[in-house]
Amino acid sequence: WRRSTTGRLQELAVRTRESVLRQYAGARE
């Protein structure tokens, strides 16, 4: 986790949340 997120934490957090919301949109549908 530390190796993958160093210097990219905020960017990766945004992308992860976007993916989470896309999946929940699929569940809603």
mmCIF file of all heavy atoms, coordinates in Angstrom:
data_MODEL
# 
_entry.id   MODEL 
# 
loop_
_atom_site.group_PDB 
_atom_site.id 
_atom_site.type_symbol 
_atom_site.label_atom_id 
_atom_site.label_alt_id 
_atom_site.label_comp_id 
_atom_site.label_asym_id 
_atom_site.label_entity_id 
_atom_site.label_seq_id 
_atom_site.pdbx_PDB_ins_code 
_atom_site.Cartn_x 
_atom_site.Cartn_y 
_atom_site.Cartn_z 
_atom_site.occupancy 
_atom_site.B_iso_or_equiv 
_atom_site.pdbx_formal_charge 
_atom_site.auth_seq_id 
_atom_site.auth_comp_id 
_atom_site.auth_asym_id 
_atom_site.auth_atom_id 
_atom_site.pdbx_PDB_model_num 
ATOM 1   N N   . TRP A 1 1  ? 0.828   -1.202 0.000   1.00 0.00 ? 1  TRP A N   1 
ATOM 2   C CA  . TRP A 1 1  ? 0.000   0.000  0.000   1.00 0.00 ? 1  TRP A CA  1 
ATOM 3   C C   . TRP A 1 1  ? 0.865   1.255  0.000   1.00 0.00 ? 1  TRP A C   1 
ATOM 4   O O   . TRP A 1 1  ? 0.644   2.179  -0.784  1.00 0.00 ? 1  TRP A O   1 
ATOM 5   C CB  . TRP A 1 1  ? -0.928  -0.022 1.215   1.00 0.00 ? 1  TRP A CB  1 
ATOM 6   C CG  . TRP A 1 1  ? -1.617  1.270  1.504   1.00 0.00 ? 1  TRP A CG  1 
ATOM 7   C CD1 . TRP A 1 1  ? -1.278  2.180  2.449   1.00 0.00 ? 1  TRP A CD1 1 
ATOM 8   C CD2 . TRP A 1 1  ? -2.748  1.809  0.826   1.00 0.00 ? 1  TRP A CD2 1 
ATOM 9   N NE1 . TRP A 1 1  ? -2.126  3.254  2.425   1.00 0.00 ? 1  TRP A NE1 1 
ATOM 10  C CE2 . TRP A 1 1  ? -3.043  3.054  1.438   1.00 0.00 ? 1  TRP A CE2 1 
ATOM 11  C CE3 . TRP A 1 1  ? -3.544  1.371  -0.215  1.00 0.00 ? 1  TRP A CE3 1 
ATOM 12  C CZ2 . TRP A 1 1  ? -4.101  3.853  1.017   1.00 0.00 ? 1  TRP A CZ2 1 
ATOM 13  C CZ3 . TRP A 1 1  ? -4.605  2.169  -0.630  1.00 0.00 ? 1  TRP A CZ3 1 
ATOM 14  C CH2 . TRP A 1 1  ? -4.867  3.394  -0.024  1.00 0.00 ? 1  TRP A CH2 1 
ATOM 15  N N   . ARG A 1 2  ? 1.873   1.280  0.879   1.00 0.00 ? 2  ARG A N   1 
ATOM 16  C CA  . ARG A 1 2  ? 2.735   2.463  0.957   1.00 0.00 ? 2  ARG A CA  1 
ATOM 17  C C   . ARG A 1 2  ? 3.482   2.662  -0.360  1.00 0.00 ? 2  ARG A C   1 
ATOM 18  O O   . ARG A 1 2  ? 3.637   3.798  -0.840  1.00 0.00 ? 2  ARG A O   1 
ATOM 19  C CB  . ARG A 1 2  ? 3.707   2.325  2.134   1.00 0.00 ? 2  ARG A CB  1 
ATOM 20  C CG  . ARG A 1 2  ? 3.058   2.423  3.513   1.00 0.00 ? 2  ARG A CG  1 
ATOM 21  C CD  . ARG A 1 2  ? 4.099   2.572  4.617   1.00 0.00 ? 2  ARG A CD  1 
ATOM 22  N NE  . ARG A 1 2  ? 4.921   1.379  4.749   1.00 0.00 ? 2  ARG A NE  1 
ATOM 23  C CZ  . ARG A 1 2  ? 4.642   0.352  5.562   1.00 0.00 ? 2  ARG A CZ  1 
ATOM 24  N NH1 . ARG A 1 2  ? 3.531   0.381  6.301   1.00 0.00 ? 2  ARG A NH1 1 
ATOM 25  N NH2 . ARG A 1 2  ? 5.451   -0.679 5.657   1.00 0.00 ? 2  ARG A NH2 1 
ATOM 26  N N   . ARG A 1 3  ? 3.973   1.589  -0.935  1.00 0.00 ? 3  ARG A N   1 
ATOM 27  C CA  . ARG A 1 3  ? 4.729   1.685  -2.196  1.00 0.00 ? 3  ARG A CA  1 
ATOM 28  C C   . ARG A 1 3  ? 3.845   2.180  -3.345  1.00 0.00 ? 3  ARG A C   1 
ATOM 29  O O   . ARG A 1 3  ? 4.275   2.975  -4.175  1.00 0.00 ? 3  ARG A O   1 
ATOM 30  C CB  . ARG A 1 3  ? 5.304   0.310  -2.532  1.00 0.00 ? 3  ARG A CB  1 
ATOM 31  C CG  . ARG A 1 3  ? 6.285   0.315  -3.705  1.00 0.00 ? 3  ARG A CG  1 
ATOM 32  C CD  . ARG A 1 3  ? 7.003   -1.008 -3.818  1.00 0.00 ? 3  ARG A CD  1 
ATOM 33  N NE  . ARG A 1 3  ? 6.161   -2.080 -4.323  1.00 0.00 ? 3  ARG A NE  1 
ATOM 34  C CZ  . ARG A 1 3  ? 5.802   -3.147 -3.618  1.00 0.00 ? 3  ARG A CZ  1 
ATOM 35  N NH1 . ARG A 1 3  ? 6.209   -3.296 -2.365  1.00 0.00 ? 3  ARG A NH1 1 
ATOM 36  N NH2 . ARG A 1 3  ? 5.037   -4.080 -4.150  1.00 0.00 ? 3  ARG A NH2 1 
ATOM 37  N N   . SER A 1 4  ? 2.599   1.736  -3.365  1.00 0.00 ? 4  SER A N   1 
ATOM 38  C CA  . SER A 1 4  ? 1.695   2.084  -4.465  1.00 0.00 ? 4  SER A CA  1 
ATOM 39  C C   . SER A 1 4  ? 1.117   3.489  -4.347  1.00 0.00 ? 4  SER A C   1 
ATOM 40  O O   . SER A 1 4  ? 0.744   4.087  -5.360  1.00 0.00 ? 4  SER A O   1 
ATOM 41  C CB  . SER A 1 4  ? 0.542   1.072  -4.531  1.00 0.00 ? 4  SER A CB  1 
ATOM 42  O OG  . SER A 1 4  ? 1.020   -0.233 -4.790  1.00 0.00 ? 4  SER A OG  1 
ATOM 43  N N   . THR A 1 5  ? 1.036   4.019  -3.122  1.00 0.00 ? 5  THR A N   1 
ATOM 44  C CA  . THR A 1 5  ? 0.336   5.290  -2.930  1.00 0.00 ? 5  THR A CA  1 
ATOM 45  C C   . THR A 1 5  ? 1.256   6.473  -2.711  1.00 0.00 ? 5  THR A C   1 
ATOM 46  O O   . THR A 1 5  ? 0.784   7.624  -2.740  1.00 0.00 ? 5  THR A O   1 
ATOM 47  C CB  . THR A 1 5  ? -0.627  5.191  -1.725  1.00 0.00 ? 5  THR A CB  1 
ATOM 48  O OG1 . THR A 1 5  ? 0.121   4.873  -0.536  1.00 0.00 ? 5  THR A OG1 1 
ATOM 49  C CG2 . THR A 1 5  ? -1.679  4.125  -1.968  1.00 0.00 ? 5  THR A CG2 1 
ATOM 50  N N   . THR A 1 6  ? 2.524   6.250  -2.494  1.00 0.00 ? 6  THR A N   1 
ATOM 51  C CA  . THR A 1 6  ? 3.433   7.361  -2.215  1.00 0.00 ? 6  THR A CA  1 
ATOM 52  C C   . THR A 1 6  ? 3.386   8.409  -3.326  1.00 0.00 ? 6  THR A C   1 
ATOM 53  O O   . THR A 1 6  ? 3.609   8.113  -4.501  1.00 0.00 ? 6  THR A O   1 
ATOM 54  C CB  . THR A 1 6  ? 4.878   6.852  -2.062  1.00 0.00 ? 6  THR A CB  1 
ATOM 55  O OG1 . THR A 1 6  ? 4.941   5.946  -0.961  1.00 0.00 ? 6  THR A OG1 1 
ATOM 56  C CG2 . THR A 1 6  ? 5.832   8.011  -1.809  1.00 0.00 ? 6  THR A CG2 1 
ATOM 57  N N   . GLY A 1 7  ? 3.051   9.630  -2.938  1.00 0.00 ? 7  GLY A N   1 
ATOM 58  C CA  . GLY A 1 7  ? 2.968   10.730 -3.881  1.00 0.00 ? 7  GLY A CA  1 
ATOM 59  C C   . GLY A 1 7  ? 1.719   10.733 -4.751  1.00 0.00 ? 7  GLY A C   1 
ATOM 60  O O   . GLY A 1 7  ? 1.539   11.642 -5.573  1.00 0.00 ? 7  GLY A O   1 
ATOM 61  N N   . ARG A 1 8  ? 0.842   9.749  -4.578  1.00 0.00 ? 8  ARG A N   1 
ATOM 62  C CA  . ARG A 1 8  ? -0.344  9.636  -5.440  1.00 0.00 ? 8  ARG A CA  1 
ATOM 63  C C   . ARG A 1 8  ? -1.618  9.416  -4.633  1.00 0.00 ? 8  ARG A C   1 
ATOM 64  O O   . ARG A 1 8  ? -2.669  9.091  -5.186  1.00 0.00 ? 8  ARG A O   1 
ATOM 65  C CB  . ARG A 1 8  ? -0.187  8.440  -6.404  1.00 0.00 ? 8  ARG A CB  1 
ATOM 66  C CG  . ARG A 1 8  ? 1.047   8.452  -7.254  1.00 0.00 ? 8  ARG A CG  1 
ATOM 67  C CD  . ARG A 1 8  ? 1.102   7.177  -8.086  1.00 0.00 ? 8  ARG A CD  1 
ATOM 68  N NE  . ARG A 1 8  ? -0.049  7.073  -8.981  1.00 0.00 ? 8  ARG A NE  1 
ATOM 69  C CZ  . ARG A 1 8  ? -0.518  5.894  -9.420  1.00 0.00 ? 8  ARG A CZ  1 
ATOM 70  N NH1 . ARG A 1 8  ? 0.032   4.760  -9.033  1.00 0.00 ? 8  ARG A NH1 1 
ATOM 71  N NH2 . ARG A 1 8  ? -1.555  5.868  -10.249 1.00 0.00 ? 8  ARG A NH2 1 
ATOM 72  N N   . LEU A 1 9  ? -1.540  9.612  -3.335  1.00 0.00 ? 9  LEU A N   1 
ATOM 73  C CA  . LEU A 1 9  ? -2.640  9.212  -2.457  1.00 0.00 ? 9  LEU A CA  1 
ATOM 74  C C   . LEU A 1 9  ? -3.953  9.885  -2.832  1.00 0.00 ? 9  LEU A C   1 
ATOM 75  O O   . LEU A 1 9  ? -5.002  9.237  -2.941  1.00 0.00 ? 9  LEU A O   1 
ATOM 76  C CB  . LEU A 1 9  ? -2.279  9.511  -1.001  1.00 0.00 ? 9  LEU A CB  1 
ATOM 77  C CG  . LEU A 1 9  ? -3.235  8.951  0.049   1.00 0.00 ? 9  LEU A CG  1 
ATOM 78  C CD1 . LEU A 1 9  ? -3.331  7.436  -0.075  1.00 0.00 ? 9  LEU A CD1 1 
ATOM 79  C CD2 . LEU A 1 9  ? -2.772  9.330  1.449   1.00 0.00 ? 9  LEU A CD2 1 
ATOM 80  N N   . GLN A 1 10 ? -3.922  11.214 -3.037  1.00 0.00 ? 10 GLN A N   1 
ATOM 81  C CA  . GLN A 1 10 ? -5.159  11.933 -3.331  1.00 0.00 ? 10 GLN A CA  1 
ATOM 82  C C   . GLN A 1 10 ? -5.737  11.502 -4.686  1.00 0.00 ? 10 GLN A C   1 
ATOM 83  O O   . GLN A 1 10 ? -6.943  11.263 -4.813  1.00 0.00 ? 10 GLN A O   1 
ATOM 84  C CB  . GLN A 1 10 ? -4.918  13.443 -3.327  1.00 0.00 ? 10 GLN A CB  1 
ATOM 85  C CG  . GLN A 1 10 ? -6.201  14.255 -3.534  1.00 0.00 ? 10 GLN A CG  1 
ATOM 86  C CD  . GLN A 1 10 ? -5.962  15.740 -3.350  1.00 0.00 ? 10 GLN A CD  1 
ATOM 87  O OE1 . GLN A 1 10 ? -4.866  16.176 -3.005  1.00 0.00 ? 10 GLN A OE1 1 
ATOM 88  N NE2 . GLN A 1 10 ? -6.999  16.527 -3.569  1.00 0.00 ? 10 GLN A NE2 1 
ATOM 89  N N   . GLU A 1 11 ? -4.879  11.393 -5.680  1.00 0.00 ? 11 GLU A N   1 
ATOM 90  C CA  . GLU A 1 11 ? -5.341  10.966 -7.006  1.00 0.00 ? 11 GLU A CA  1 
ATOM 91  C C   . GLU A 1 11 ? -5.994  9.591  -6.945  1.00 0.00 ? 11 GLU A C   1 
ATOM 92  O O   . GLU A 1 11 ? -7.073  9.363  -7.516  1.00 0.00 ? 11 GLU A O   1 
ATOM 93  C CB  . GLU A 1 11 ? -4.140  10.913 -7.958  1.00 0.00 ? 11 GLU A CB  1 
ATOM 94  C CG  . GLU A 1 11 ? -4.417  10.238 -9.298  1.00 0.00 ? 11 GLU A CG  1 
ATOM 95  C CD  . GLU A 1 11 ? -3.202  9.538  -9.864  1.00 0.00 ? 11 GLU A CD  1 
ATOM 96  O OE1 . GLU A 1 11 ? -2.067  9.857  -9.445  1.00 0.00 ? 11 GLU A OE1 1 
ATOM 97  O OE2 . GLU A 1 11 ? -3.383  8.658  -10.722 1.00 0.00 ? 11 GLU A OE2 1 
ATOM 98  N N   . LEU A 1 12 ? -5.340  8.661  -6.250  1.00 0.00 ? 12 LEU A N   1 
ATOM 99  C CA  . LEU A 1 12 ? -5.863  7.299  -6.176  1.00 0.00 ? 12 LEU A CA  1 
ATOM 100 C C   . LEU A 1 12 ? -7.150  7.239  -5.367  1.00 0.00 ? 12 LEU A C   1 
ATOM 101 O O   . LEU A 1 12 ? -8.053  6.456  -5.684  1.00 0.00 ? 12 LEU A O   1 
ATOM 102 C CB  . LEU A 1 12 ? -4.806  6.370  -5.574  1.00 0.00 ? 12 LEU A CB  1 
ATOM 103 C CG  . LEU A 1 12 ? -3.549  6.185  -6.423  1.00 0.00 ? 12 LEU A CG  1 
ATOM 104 C CD1 . LEU A 1 12 ? -2.487  5.428  -5.641  1.00 0.00 ? 12 LEU A CD1 1 
ATOM 105 C CD2 . LEU A 1 12 ? -3.877  5.457  -7.720  1.00 0.00 ? 12 LEU A CD2 1 
ATOM 106 N N   . ALA A 1 13 ? -7.249  8.072  -4.321  1.00 0.00 ? 13 ALA A N   1 
ATOM 107 C CA  . ALA A 1 13 ? -8.473  8.110  -3.522  1.00 0.00 ? 13 ALA A CA  1 
ATOM 108 C C   . ALA A 1 13 ? -9.656  8.575  -4.366  1.00 0.00 ? 13 ALA A C   1 
ATOM 109 O O   . ALA A 1 13 ? -10.763 8.023  -4.275  1.00 0.00 ? 13 ALA A O   1 
ATOM 110 C CB  . ALA A 1 13 ? -8.284  9.023  -2.314  1.00 0.00 ? 13 ALA A CB  1 
ATOM 111 N N   . VAL A 1 14 ? -9.435  9.573  -5.201  1.00 0.00 ? 14 VAL A N   1 
ATOM 112 C CA  . VAL A 1 14 ? -10.509 10.072 -6.080  1.00 0.00 ? 14 VAL A CA  1 
ATOM 113 C C   . VAL A 1 14 ? -10.933 8.996  -7.062  1.00 0.00 ? 14 VAL A C   1 
ATOM 114 O O   . VAL A 1 14 ? -12.132 8.744  -7.276  1.00 0.00 ? 14 VAL A O   1 
ATOM 115 C CB  . VAL A 1 14 ? -10.049 11.347 -6.819  1.00 0.00 ? 14 VAL A CB  1 
ATOM 116 C CG1 . VAL A 1 14 ? -11.043 11.718 -7.918  1.00 0.00 ? 14 VAL A CG1 1 
ATOM 117 C CG2 . VAL A 1 14 ? -9.887  12.495 -5.832  1.00 0.00 ? 14 VAL A CG2 1 
ATOM 118 N N   . ARG A 1 15 ? -9.965  8.328  -7.675  1.00 0.00 ? 15 ARG A N   1 
ATOM 119 C CA  . ARG A 1 15 ? -10.281 7.296  -8.661  1.00 0.00 ? 15 ARG A CA  1 
ATOM 120 C C   . ARG A 1 15 ? -10.997 6.110  -8.011  1.00 0.00 ? 15 ARG A C   1 
ATOM 121 O O   . ARG A 1 15 ? -11.905 5.511  -8.603  1.00 0.00 ? 15 ARG A O   1 
ATOM 122 C CB  . ARG A 1 15 ? -9.010  6.834  -9.367  1.00 0.00 ? 15 ARG A CB  1 
ATOM 123 C CG  . ARG A 1 15 ? -8.402  7.891  -10.282 1.00 0.00 ? 15 ARG A CG  1 
ATOM 124 C CD  . ARG A 1 15 ? -7.095  7.395  -10.894 1.00 0.00 ? 15 ARG A CD  1 
ATOM 125 N NE  . ARG A 1 15 ? -7.319  6.161  -11.659 1.00 0.00 ? 15 ARG A NE  1 
ATOM 126 C CZ  . ARG A 1 15 ? -6.324  5.387  -12.094 1.00 0.00 ? 15 ARG A CZ  1 
ATOM 127 N NH1 . ARG A 1 15 ? -5.063  5.705  -11.821 1.00 0.00 ? 15 ARG A NH1 1 
ATOM 128 N NH2 . ARG A 1 15 ? -6.596  4.302  -12.779 1.00 0.00 ? 15 ARG A NH2 1 
ATOM 129 N N   . THR A 1 16 ? -10.587 5.773  -6.786  1.00 0.00 ? 16 THR A N   1 
ATOM 130 C CA  . THR A 1 16 ? -11.240 4.667  -6.088  1.00 0.00 ? 16 THR A CA  1 
ATOM 131 C C   . THR A 1 16 ? -12.693 4.998  -5.783  1.00 0.00 ? 16 THR A C   1 
ATOM 132 O O   . THR A 1 16 ? -13.593 4.175  -6.015  1.00 0.00 ? 16 THR A O   1 
ATOM 133 C CB  . THR A 1 16 ? -10.494 4.347  -4.779  1.00 0.00 ? 16 THR A CB  1 
ATOM 134 O OG1 . THR A 1 16 ? -9.153  3.953  -5.087  1.00 0.00 ? 16 THR A OG1 1 
ATOM 135 C CG2 . THR A 1 16 ? -11.187 3.241  -4.013  1.00 0.00 ? 16 THR A CG2 1 
ATOM 136 N N   . ARG A 1 17 ? -12.939 6.208  -5.296  1.00 0.00 ? 17 ARG A N   1 
ATOM 137 C CA  . ARG A 1 17 ? -14.318 6.594  -4.975  1.00 0.00 ? 17 ARG A CA  1 
ATOM 138 C C   . ARG A 1 17 ? -15.171 6.612  -6.237  1.00 0.00 ? 17 ARG A C   1 
ATOM 139 O O   . ARG A 1 17 ? -16.345 6.198  -6.211  1.00 0.00 ? 17 ARG A O   1 
ATOM 140 C CB  . ARG A 1 17 ? -14.354 7.953  -4.286  1.00 0.00 ? 17 ARG A CB  1 
ATOM 141 C CG  . ARG A 1 17 ? -15.734 8.319  -3.752  1.00 0.00 ? 17 ARG A CG  1 
ATOM 142 C CD  . ARG A 1 17 ? -15.701 9.562  -2.884  1.00 0.00 ? 17 ARG A CD  1 
ATOM 143 N NE  . ARG A 1 17 ? -16.980 9.727  -2.205  1.00 0.00 ? 17 ARG A NE  1 
ATOM 144 C CZ  . ARG A 1 17 ? -18.052 10.291 -2.734  1.00 0.00 ? 17 ARG A CZ  1 
ATOM 145 N NH1 . ARG A 1 17 ? -17.998 10.781 -3.980  1.00 0.00 ? 17 ARG A NH1 1 
ATOM 146 N NH2 . ARG A 1 17 ? -19.185 10.387 -2.061  1.00 0.00 ? 17 ARG A NH2 1 
ATOM 147 N N   . GLU A 1 18 ? -14.632 7.088  -7.342  1.00 0.00 ? 18 GLU A N   1 
ATOM 148 C CA  . GLU A 1 18 ? -15.378 7.082  -8.603  1.00 0.00 ? 18 GLU A CA  1 
ATOM 149 C C   . GLU A 1 18 ? -15.756 5.660  -9.004  1.00 0.00 ? 18 GLU A C   1 
ATOM 150 O O   . GLU A 1 18 ? -16.885 5.402  -9.460  1.00 0.00 ? 18 GLU A O   1 
ATOM 151 C CB  . GLU A 1 18 ? -14.548 7.740  -9.705  1.00 0.00 ? 18 GLU A CB  1 
ATOM 152 C CG  . GLU A 1 18 ? -14.394 9.244  -9.550  1.00 0.00 ? 18 GLU A CG  1 
ATOM 153 C CD  . GLU A 1 18 ? -13.406 9.837  -10.542 1.00 0.00 ? 18 GLU A CD  1 
ATOM 154 O OE1 . GLU A 1 18 ? -12.645 9.068  -11.186 1.00 0.00 ? 18 GLU A OE1 1 
ATOM 155 O OE2 . GLU A 1 18 ? -13.365 11.077 -10.671 1.00 0.00 ? 18 GLU A OE2 1 
ATOM 156 N N   . SER A 1 19 ? -14.840 4.716  -8.826  1.00 0.00 ? 19 SER A N   1 
ATOM 157 C CA  . SER A 1 19 ? -15.112 3.322  -9.152  1.00 0.00 ? 19 SER A CA  1 
ATOM 158 C C   . SER A 1 19 ? -16.169 2.736  -8.223  1.00 0.00 ? 19 SER A C   1 
ATOM 159 O O   . SER A 1 19 ? -17.049 1.975  -8.661  1.00 0.00 ? 19 SER A O   1 
ATOM 160 C CB  . SER A 1 19 ? -13.825 2.491  -9.062  1.00 0.00 ? 19 SER A CB  1 
ATOM 161 O OG  . SER A 1 19 ? -12.886 2.893  -10.033 1.00 0.00 ? 19 SER A OG  1 
ATOM 162 N N   . VAL A 1 20 ? -16.093 3.078  -6.945  1.00 0.00 ? 20 VAL A N   1 
ATOM 163 C CA  . VAL A 1 20 ? -17.092 2.615  -5.976  1.00 0.00 ? 20 VAL A CA  1 
ATOM 164 C C   . VAL A 1 20 ? -18.481 3.108  -6.378  1.00 0.00 ? 20 VAL A C   1 
ATOM 165 O O   . VAL A 1 20 ? -19.458 2.334  -6.406  1.00 0.00 ? 20 VAL A O   1 
ATOM 166 C CB  . VAL A 1 20 ? -16.729 3.101  -4.565  1.00 0.00 ? 20 VAL A CB  1 
ATOM 167 C CG1 . VAL A 1 20 ? -17.916 2.970  -3.612  1.00 0.00 ? 20 VAL A CG1 1 
ATOM 168 C CG2 . VAL A 1 20 ? -15.536 2.325  -4.028  1.00 0.00 ? 20 VAL A CG2 1 
ATOM 169 N N   . LEU A 1 21 ? -18.589 4.379  -6.715  1.00 0.00 ? 21 LEU A N   1 
ATOM 170 C CA  . LEU A 1 21 ? -19.894 4.934  -7.073  1.00 0.00 ? 21 LEU A CA  1 
ATOM 171 C C   . LEU A 1 21 ? -20.424 4.340  -8.367  1.00 0.00 ? 21 LEU A C   1 
ATOM 172 O O   . LEU A 1 21 ? -21.637 4.122  -8.518  1.00 0.00 ? 21 LEU A O   1 
ATOM 173 C CB  . LEU A 1 21 ? -19.803 6.458  -7.173  1.00 0.00 ? 21 LEU A CB  1 
ATOM 174 C CG  . LEU A 1 21 ? -19.495 7.185  -5.856  1.00 0.00 ? 21 LEU A CG  1 
ATOM 175 C CD1 . LEU A 1 21 ? -19.407 8.689  -6.082  1.00 0.00 ? 21 LEU A CD1 1 
ATOM 176 C CD2 . LEU A 1 21 ? -20.538 6.857  -4.788  1.00 0.00 ? 21 LEU A CD2 1 
ATOM 177 N N   . ARG A 1 22 ? -19.534 4.029  -9.323  1.00 0.00 ? 22 ARG A N   1 
ATOM 178 C CA  . ARG A 1 22 ? -19.973 3.368  -10.556 1.00 0.00 ? 22 ARG A CA  1 
ATOM 179 C C   . ARG A 1 22 ? -20.548 1.993  -10.255 1.00 0.00 ? 22 ARG A C   1 
ATOM 180 O O   . ARG A 1 22 ? -21.573 1.589  -10.821 1.00 0.00 ? 22 ARG A O   1 
ATOM 181 C CB  . ARG A 1 22 ? -18.814 3.262  -11.543 1.00 0.00 ? 22 ARG A CB  1 
ATOM 182 C CG  . ARG A 1 22 ? -18.565 4.508  -12.373 1.00 0.00 ? 22 ARG A CG  1 
ATOM 183 C CD  . ARG A 1 22 ? -17.691 4.212  -13.582 1.00 0.00 ? 22 ARG A CD  1 
ATOM 184 N NE  . ARG A 1 22 ? -16.377 3.715  -13.206 1.00 0.00 ? 22 ARG A NE  1 
ATOM 185 C CZ  . ARG A 1 22 ? -15.332 4.503  -12.962 1.00 0.00 ? 22 ARG A CZ  1 
ATOM 186 N NH1 . ARG A 1 22 ? -15.450 5.822  -13.061 1.00 0.00 ? 22 ARG A NH1 1 
ATOM 187 N NH2 . ARG A 1 22 ? -14.160 3.979  -12.643 1.00 0.00 ? 22 ARG A NH2 1 
ATOM 188 N N   . GLN A 1 23 ? -19.883 1.272  -9.370  1.00 0.00 ? 23 GLN A N   1 
ATOM 189 C CA  . GLN A 1 23 ? -20.397 -0.054 -9.046  1.00 0.00 ? 23 GLN A CA  1 
ATOM 190 C C   . GLN A 1 23 ? -21.730 0.028  -8.316  1.00 0.00 ? 23 GLN A C   1 
ATOM 191 O O   . GLN A 1 23 ? -22.655 -0.757 -8.612  1.00 0.00 ? 23 GLN A O   1 
ATOM 192 C CB  . GLN A 1 23 ? -19.362 -0.835 -8.231  1.00 0.00 ? 23 GLN A CB  1 
ATOM 193 C CG  . GLN A 1 23 ? -18.161 -1.269 -9.058  1.00 0.00 ? 23 GLN A CG  1 
ATOM 194 C CD  . GLN A 1 23 ? -17.349 -2.366 -8.397  1.00 0.00 ? 23 GLN A CD  1 
ATOM 195 O OE1 . GLN A 1 23 ? -17.726 -2.935 -7.371  1.00 0.00 ? 23 GLN A OE1 1 
ATOM 196 N NE2 . GLN A 1 23 ? -16.199 -2.690 -8.989  1.00 0.00 ? 23 GLN A NE2 1 
ATOM 197 N N   . TYR A 1 24 ? -21.865 0.962  -7.406  1.00 0.00 ? 24 TYR A N   1 
ATOM 198 C CA  . TYR A 1 24 ? -23.154 1.091  -6.715  1.00 0.00 ? 24 TYR A CA  1 
ATOM 199 C C   . TYR A 1 24 ? -24.257 1.538  -7.677  1.00 0.00 ? 24 TYR A C   1 
ATOM 200 O O   . TYR A 1 24 ? -25.426 1.153  -7.514  1.00 0.00 ? 24 TYR A O   1 
ATOM 201 C CB  . TYR A 1 24 ? -23.045 2.036  -5.525  1.00 0.00 ? 24 TYR A CB  1 
ATOM 202 C CG  . TYR A 1 24 ? -22.436 1.389  -4.298  1.00 0.00 ? 24 TYR A CG  1 
ATOM 203 C CD1 . TYR A 1 24 ? -21.537 2.075  -3.501  1.00 0.00 ? 24 TYR A CD1 1 
ATOM 204 C CD2 . TYR A 1 24 ? -22.765 0.082  -3.946  1.00 0.00 ? 24 TYR A CD2 1 
ATOM 205 C CE1 . TYR A 1 24 ? -20.973 1.475  -2.378  1.00 0.00 ? 24 TYR A CE1 1 
ATOM 206 C CE2 . TYR A 1 24 ? -22.213 -0.518 -2.835  1.00 0.00 ? 24 TYR A CE2 1 
ATOM 207 C CZ  . TYR A 1 24 ? -21.318 0.181  -2.051  1.00 0.00 ? 24 TYR A CZ  1 
ATOM 208 O OH  . TYR A 1 24 ? -20.772 -0.420 -0.941  1.00 0.00 ? 24 TYR A OH  1 
ATOM 209 N N   . ALA A 1 25 ? -23.906 2.330  -8.680  1.00 0.00 ? 25 ALA A N   1 
ATOM 210 C CA  . ALA A 1 25 ? -24.895 2.681  -9.714  1.00 0.00 ? 25 ALA A CA  1 
ATOM 211 C C   . ALA A 1 25 ? -25.349 1.426  -10.455 1.00 0.00 ? 25 ALA A C   1 
ATOM 212 O O   . ALA A 1 25 ? -26.531 1.279  -10.800 1.00 0.00 ? 25 ALA A O   1 
ATOM 213 C CB  . ALA A 1 25 ? -24.308 3.695  -10.686 1.00 0.00 ? 25 ALA A CB  1 
ATOM 214 N N   . GLY A 1 26 ? -24.428 0.506  -10.696 1.00 0.00 ? 26 GLY A N   1 
ATOM 215 C CA  . GLY A 1 26 ? -24.788 -0.762 -11.323 1.00 0.00 ? 26 GLY A CA  1 
ATOM 216 C C   . GLY A 1 26 ? -25.696 -1.594 -10.435 1.00 0.00 ? 26 GLY A C   1 
ATOM 217 O O   . GLY A 1 26 ? -26.632 -2.245 -10.926 1.00 0.00 ? 26 GLY A O   1 
ATOM 218 N N   . ALA A 1 27 ? -25.446 -1.576 -9.129  1.00 0.00 ? 27 ALA A N   1 
ATOM 219 C CA  . ALA A 1 27 ? -26.309 -2.291 -8.192  1.00 0.00 ? 27 ALA A CA  1 
ATOM 220 C C   . ALA A 1 27 ? -27.707 -1.681 -8.172  1.00 0.00 ? 27 ALA A C   1 
ATOM 221 O O   . ALA A 1 27 ? -28.715 -2.403 -8.161  1.00 0.00 ? 27 ALA A O   1 
ATOM 222 C CB  . ALA A 1 27 ? -25.702 -2.259 -6.793  1.00 0.00 ? 27 ALA A CB  1 
ATOM 223 N N   . ARG A 1 28 ? -27.769 -0.364 -8.181  1.00 0.00 ? 28 ARG A N   1 
ATOM 224 C CA  . ARG A 1 28 ? -29.067 0.306  -8.194  1.00 0.00 ? 28 ARG A CA  1 
ATOM 225 C C   . ARG A 1 28 ? -29.865 -0.076 -9.441  1.00 0.00 ? 28 ARG A C   1 
ATOM 226 O O   . ARG A 1 28 ? -31.066 -0.383 -9.359  1.00 0.00 ? 28 ARG A O   1 
ATOM 227 C CB  . ARG A 1 28 ? -28.869 1.819  -8.127  1.00 0.00 ? 28 ARG A CB  1 
ATOM 228 C CG  . ARG A 1 28 ? -30.180 2.607  -8.119  1.00 0.00 ? 28 ARG A CG  1 
ATOM 229 C CD  . ARG A 1 28 ? -29.957 4.108  -8.211  1.00 0.00 ? 28 ARG A CD  1 
ATOM 230 N NE  . ARG A 1 28 ? -31.220 4.816  -8.201  1.00 0.00 ? 28 ARG A NE  1 
ATOM 231 C CZ  . ARG A 1 28 ? -31.815 5.296  -7.132  1.00 0.00 ? 28 ARG A CZ  1 
ATOM 232 N NH1 . ARG A 1 28 ? -31.239 5.163  -5.949  1.00 0.00 ? 28 ARG A NH1 1 
ATOM 233 N NH2 . ARG A 1 28 ? -32.989 5.907  -7.213  1.00 0.00 ? 28 ARG A NH2 1 
ATOM 234 N N   . GLU A 1 29 ? -29.209 -0.056 -10.591 1.00 0.00 ? 29 GLU A N   1 
ATOM 235 C CA  . GLU A 1 29 ? -29.897 -0.420 -11.828 1.00 0.00 ? 29 GLU A CA  1 
ATOM 236 C C   . GLU A 1 29 ? -30.412 -1.855 -11.769 1.00 0.00 ? 29 GLU A C   1 
ATOM 237 O O   . GLU A 1 29 ? -31.526 -2.152 -12.214 1.00 0.00 ? 29 GLU A O   1 
ATOM 238 C CB  . GLU A 1 29 ? -28.949 -0.257 -13.009 1.00 0.00 ? 29 GLU A CB  1 
ATOM 239 C CG  . GLU A 1 29 ? -29.587 -0.564 -14.356 1.00 0.00 ? 29 GLU A CG  1 
ATOM 240 C CD  . GLU A 1 29 ? -28.635 -0.357 -15.519 1.00 0.00 ? 29 GLU A CD  1 
ATOM 241 O OE1 . GLU A 1 29 ? -27.513 0.117  -15.288 1.00 0.00 ? 29 GLU A OE1 1 
ATOM 242 O OE2 . GLU A 1 29 ? -29.030 -0.652 -16.665 1.00 0.00 ? 29 GLU A OE2 1 
# 
